[in-house]
Amino acid sequence: MNTYTPAQRVSLAVDAERVRAGITRATLAGRLGWSLSRLQRRLAADPPFKVDELSAVAHAIGCPVSRFWQDVAAWPSSASTPRRTREGAQR
């Protein structure tokens, strides 16, 4: 099972929004005034996006920044351990 950190999930959501908007990575980097390698590092979550960068990306793509979290919320939890009730039974 693949698990992703929250930062990786946001980065994947950003890239999915970019694709939906029909914008290449090179074009998005240019709109942001970034190098392509900087954008690619952020999309790999290494280092993760900062909040102000997400706002700039949303503006450059033409979508609300909340869209990046809508996709993330639909993903299953990255925790692979089942939750237990007080009695110790698995849910």
N, C-alpha and C. Protein backbone atom coordinates (compact mmCIF):
# COMPACT_ATOMS: atom_id res chain seq x y z
N MET A 1 0.84 -1.18 0.00
CA MET A 1 0.00 0.00 0.00
C MET A 1 0.88 1.24 0.00
N ASN A 2 0.62 2.15 -0.94
CA ASN A 2 1.35 3.42 -0.98
C ASN A 2 0.80 4.36 0.08
N THR A 3 1.69 4.96 0.82
CA THR A 3 1.27 5.97 1.78
C THR A 3 1.99 7.26 1.45
N TYR A 4 1.32 8.36 1.65
CA TYR A 4 1.86 9.68 1.36
C TYR A 4 1.73 10.55 2.59
N THR A 5 2.68 11.43 2.75
CA THR A 5 2.60 12.42 3.82
C THR A 5 1.59 13.48 3.40
N PRO A 6 1.09 14.27 4.35
CA PRO A 6 0.18 15.36 3.98
C PRO A 6 0.81 16.32 2.96
N ALA A 7 2.09 16.61 3.11
CA ALA A 7 2.77 17.50 2.16
C ALA A 7 2.79 16.90 0.76
N GLN A 8 3.02 15.60 0.66
CA GLN A 8 3.03 14.93 -0.64
C GLN A 8 1.63 14.94 -1.25
N ARG A 9 0.62 14.77 -0.41
CA ARG A 9 -0.76 14.79 -0.91
C ARG A 9 -1.12 16.15 -1.48
N VAL A 10 -0.71 17.22 -0.79
CA VAL A 10 -0.97 18.57 -1.29
C VAL A 10 -0.23 18.78 -2.61
N SER A 11 1.01 18.34 -2.68
CA SER A 11 1.78 18.49 -3.92
C SER A 11 1.12 17.75 -5.08
N LEU A 12 0.63 16.55 -4.83
CA LEU A 12 -0.07 15.80 -5.87
C LEU A 12 -1.36 16.50 -6.28
N ALA A 13 -2.06 17.10 -5.32
CA ALA A 13 -3.28 17.83 -5.64
C ALA A 13 -2.97 19.07 -6.47
N VAL A 14 -1.88 19.75 -6.14
CA VAL A 14 -1.46 20.93 -6.92
C VAL A 14 -1.18 20.51 -8.36
N ASP A 15 -0.44 19.42 -8.53
CA ASP A 15 -0.10 18.97 -9.88
C ASP A 15 -1.35 18.52 -10.64
N ALA A 16 -2.29 17.89 -9.96
CA ALA A 16 -3.53 17.49 -10.62
C ALA A 16 -4.32 18.71 -11.08
N GLU A 17 -4.37 19.74 -10.27
CA GLU A 17 -5.06 20.98 -10.65
C GLU A 17 -4.38 21.64 -11.84
N ARG A 18 -3.06 21.59 -11.85
CA ARG A 18 -2.30 22.15 -12.98
C ARG A 18 -2.68 21.44 -14.26
N VAL A 19 -2.76 20.10 -14.20
CA VAL A 19 -3.12 19.32 -15.38
C VAL A 19 -4.55 19.64 -15.82
N ARG A 20 -5.48 19.73 -14.85
CA ARG A 20 -6.87 20.07 -15.18
C ARG A 20 -6.97 21.41 -15.89
N ALA A 21 -6.09 22.33 -15.50
CA ALA A 21 -6.10 23.67 -16.10
C ALA A 21 -5.40 23.70 -17.46
N GLY A 22 -4.76 22.59 -17.83
CA GLY A 22 -4.08 22.52 -19.13
C GLY A 22 -2.80 23.33 -19.19
N ILE A 23 -2.12 23.44 -18.05
CA ILE A 23 -0.90 24.25 -17.95
C ILE A 23 0.29 23.31 -17.77
N THR A 24 1.34 23.53 -18.54
CA THR A 24 2.54 22.71 -18.38
C THR A 24 3.30 23.17 -17.14
N ARG A 25 4.18 22.30 -16.66
CA ARG A 25 5.01 22.68 -15.52
C ARG A 25 5.89 23.87 -15.86
N ALA A 26 6.43 23.89 -17.07
CA ALA A 26 7.29 25.00 -17.49
C ALA A 26 6.52 26.32 -17.51
N THR A 27 5.29 26.28 -18.00
CA THR A 27 4.47 27.49 -18.04
C THR A 27 4.14 27.97 -16.63
N LEU A 28 3.78 27.04 -15.75
CA LEU A 28 3.47 27.42 -14.38
C LEU A 28 4.70 28.02 -13.70
N ALA A 29 5.84 27.40 -13.88
CA ALA A 29 7.08 27.94 -13.30
C ALA A 29 7.32 29.37 -13.80
N GLY A 30 7.12 29.59 -15.08
CA GLY A 30 7.29 30.92 -15.65
C GLY A 30 6.32 31.94 -15.06
N ARG A 31 5.07 31.54 -14.90
CA ARG A 31 4.07 32.44 -14.30
C ARG A 31 4.43 32.82 -12.87
N LEU A 32 5.07 31.89 -12.17
CA LEU A 32 5.46 32.14 -10.78
C LEU A 32 6.79 32.87 -10.67
N GLY A 33 7.55 32.92 -11.77
CA GLY A 33 8.88 33.51 -11.73
C GLY A 33 9.88 32.58 -11.07
N TRP A 34 9.60 31.28 -11.14
CA TRP A 34 10.45 30.26 -10.55
C TRP A 34 11.19 29.51 -11.64
N SER A 35 12.27 28.86 -11.25
CA SER A 35 12.91 27.92 -12.18
C SER A 35 12.05 26.66 -12.23
N LEU A 36 12.17 25.91 -13.31
CA LEU A 36 11.44 24.66 -13.41
C LEU A 36 11.88 23.69 -12.33
N SER A 37 13.16 23.68 -12.00
CA SER A 37 13.64 22.75 -10.97
C SER A 37 13.05 23.09 -9.60
N ARG A 38 12.86 24.38 -9.31
CA ARG A 38 12.23 24.76 -8.04
C ARG A 38 10.81 24.23 -7.97
N LEU A 39 10.05 24.40 -9.06
CA LEU A 39 8.68 23.90 -9.08
C LEU A 39 8.67 22.38 -8.94
N GLN A 40 9.55 21.71 -9.65
CA GLN A 40 9.57 20.25 -9.58
C GLN A 40 9.92 19.75 -8.18
N ARG A 41 10.79 20.45 -7.50
CA ARG A 41 11.11 20.07 -6.11
C ARG A 41 9.88 20.23 -5.22
N ARG A 42 9.15 21.33 -5.38
CA ARG A 42 7.94 21.54 -4.57
C ARG A 42 6.90 20.46 -4.89
N LEU A 43 6.78 20.11 -6.16
CA LEU A 43 5.81 19.08 -6.54
C LEU A 43 6.21 17.70 -6.02
N ALA A 44 7.47 17.53 -5.69
CA ALA A 44 7.94 16.30 -5.06
C ALA A 44 7.91 16.42 -3.53
N ALA A 45 7.46 17.56 -3.03
CA ALA A 45 7.38 17.86 -1.59
C ALA A 45 8.75 17.80 -0.93
N ASP A 46 9.77 18.25 -1.66
CA ASP A 46 11.14 18.23 -1.12
C ASP A 46 11.87 19.52 -1.50
N PRO A 47 11.67 20.59 -0.80
CA PRO A 47 10.86 20.80 0.40
C PRO A 47 9.39 21.03 0.02
N PRO A 48 8.50 20.89 0.99
CA PRO A 48 7.07 21.10 0.71
C PRO A 48 6.76 22.56 0.38
N PHE A 49 5.60 22.76 -0.22
CA PHE A 49 5.12 24.11 -0.49
C PHE A 49 4.93 24.86 0.82
N LYS A 50 5.21 26.15 0.79
CA LYS A 50 4.88 27.05 1.90
C LYS A 50 3.50 27.63 1.60
N VAL A 51 2.83 28.14 2.60
CA VAL A 51 1.47 28.64 2.43
C VAL A 51 1.42 29.76 1.39
N ASP A 52 2.36 30.69 1.44
CA ASP A 52 2.35 31.79 0.47
C ASP A 52 2.59 31.29 -0.94
N GLU A 53 3.38 30.23 -1.08
CA GLU A 53 3.62 29.64 -2.39
C GLU A 53 2.36 28.98 -2.93
N LEU A 54 1.62 28.31 -2.07
CA LEU A 54 0.36 27.69 -2.51
C LEU A 54 -0.62 28.74 -2.99
N SER A 55 -0.65 29.87 -2.32
CA SER A 55 -1.52 30.96 -2.74
C SER A 55 -1.11 31.48 -4.12
N ALA A 56 0.18 31.64 -4.34
CA ALA A 56 0.68 32.10 -5.63
C ALA A 56 0.38 31.09 -6.73
N VAL A 57 0.54 29.81 -6.42
CA VAL A 57 0.27 28.75 -7.40
C VAL A 57 -1.22 28.74 -7.76
N ALA A 58 -2.08 28.85 -6.76
CA ALA A 58 -3.52 28.88 -7.02
C ALA A 58 -3.88 30.05 -7.93
N HIS A 59 -3.30 31.20 -7.66
CA HIS A 59 -3.55 32.38 -8.50
C HIS A 59 -3.06 32.13 -9.93
N ALA A 60 -1.87 31.55 -10.07
CA ALA A 60 -1.30 31.29 -11.40
C ALA A 60 -2.11 30.27 -12.18
N ILE A 61 -2.70 29.31 -11.47
CA ILE A 61 -3.51 28.28 -12.13
C ILE A 61 -4.92 28.80 -12.40
N GLY A 62 -5.39 29.69 -11.52
CA GLY A 62 -6.74 30.24 -11.67
C GLY A 62 -7.78 29.44 -10.91
N CYS A 63 -7.38 28.96 -9.73
CA CYS A 63 -8.32 28.20 -8.90
C CYS A 63 -8.18 28.67 -7.46
N PRO A 64 -9.19 28.40 -6.64
CA PRO A 64 -9.06 28.75 -5.22
C PRO A 64 -8.06 27.82 -4.55
N VAL A 65 -7.32 28.34 -3.60
CA VAL A 65 -6.31 27.53 -2.90
C VAL A 65 -6.97 26.36 -2.16
N SER A 66 -8.21 26.50 -1.78
CA SER A 66 -8.92 25.42 -1.08
C SER A 66 -9.05 24.17 -1.94
N ARG A 67 -8.96 24.32 -3.25
CA ARG A 67 -9.06 23.17 -4.16
C ARG A 67 -7.97 22.15 -3.88
N PHE A 68 -6.82 22.61 -3.40
CA PHE A 68 -5.71 21.70 -3.12
C PHE A 68 -6.04 20.78 -1.96
N TRP A 69 -6.89 21.24 -1.03
CA TRP A 69 -7.25 20.42 0.11
C TRP A 69 -8.48 19.57 -0.16
N GLN A 70 -9.30 19.95 -1.12
CA GLN A 70 -10.48 19.14 -1.46
C GLN A 70 -10.04 17.76 -1.94
N ASP A 71 -9.04 17.71 -2.80
CA ASP A 71 -8.54 16.43 -3.29
C ASP A 71 -7.91 15.63 -2.16
N VAL A 72 -7.15 16.30 -1.30
CA VAL A 72 -6.44 15.62 -0.23
C VAL A 72 -7.41 15.00 0.76
N ALA A 73 -8.51 15.67 1.06
CA ALA A 73 -9.47 15.17 2.03
C ALA A 73 -10.11 13.86 1.58
N ALA A 74 -10.16 13.62 0.28
CA ALA A 74 -10.79 12.40 -0.24
C ALA A 74 -9.87 11.18 -0.16
N TRP A 75 -8.59 11.38 0.09
CA TRP A 75 -7.64 10.27 0.14
C TRP A 75 -7.80 9.49 1.43
N PRO A 76 -7.52 8.19 1.39
CA PRO A 76 -7.54 7.44 2.64
C PRO A 76 -6.39 7.88 3.54
N SER A 77 -6.54 7.63 4.81
CA SER A 77 -5.51 8.01 5.78
C SER A 77 -4.20 7.32 5.46
N SER A 78 -3.09 7.99 5.73
CA SER A 78 -1.78 7.38 5.50
C SER A 78 -1.42 6.41 6.61
N ALA A 79 -2.17 6.45 7.69
CA ALA A 79 -1.90 5.52 8.79
C ALA A 79 -2.37 4.13 8.37
N SER A 80 -1.50 3.16 8.50
CA SER A 80 -1.86 1.81 8.09
C SER A 80 -2.29 0.94 9.27
N THR A 81 -2.21 1.47 10.47
CA THR A 81 -2.59 0.72 11.67
C THR A 81 -4.07 0.95 11.95
N PRO A 82 -4.85 -0.13 12.12
CA PRO A 82 -6.28 0.05 12.42
C PRO A 82 -6.47 0.77 13.76
N ARG A 83 -7.52 1.56 13.84
CA ARG A 83 -7.84 2.24 15.10
C ARG A 83 -8.47 1.24 16.05
N ARG A 84 -8.23 1.42 17.31
CA ARG A 84 -8.79 0.52 18.32
C ARG A 84 -9.74 1.29 19.23
N THR A 85 -10.75 0.59 19.68
CA THR A 85 -11.68 1.17 20.63
C THR A 85 -11.08 1.06 22.02
N ARG A 86 -11.77 1.60 23.01
CA ARG A 86 -11.29 1.53 24.38
C ARG A 86 -11.09 0.09 24.86
N GLU A 87 -11.97 -0.78 24.38
CA GLU A 87 -11.91 -2.18 24.80
C GLU A 87 -10.81 -2.95 24.06
N GLY A 88 -10.15 -2.33 23.10
CA GLY A 88 -9.06 -2.98 22.39
C GLY A 88 -9.47 -3.67 21.10
N ALA A 89 -10.75 -3.64 20.76
CA ALA A 89 -11.21 -4.26 19.51
C ALA A 89 -10.91 -3.33 18.34
N GLN A 90 -10.62 -3.93 17.19
CA GLN A 90 -10.36 -3.12 16.00
C GLN A 90 -11.66 -2.62 15.42
N ARG A 91 -11.59 -1.42 14.86
CA ARG A 91 -12.77 -0.85 14.16
C ARG A 91 -12.64 -1.16 12.69
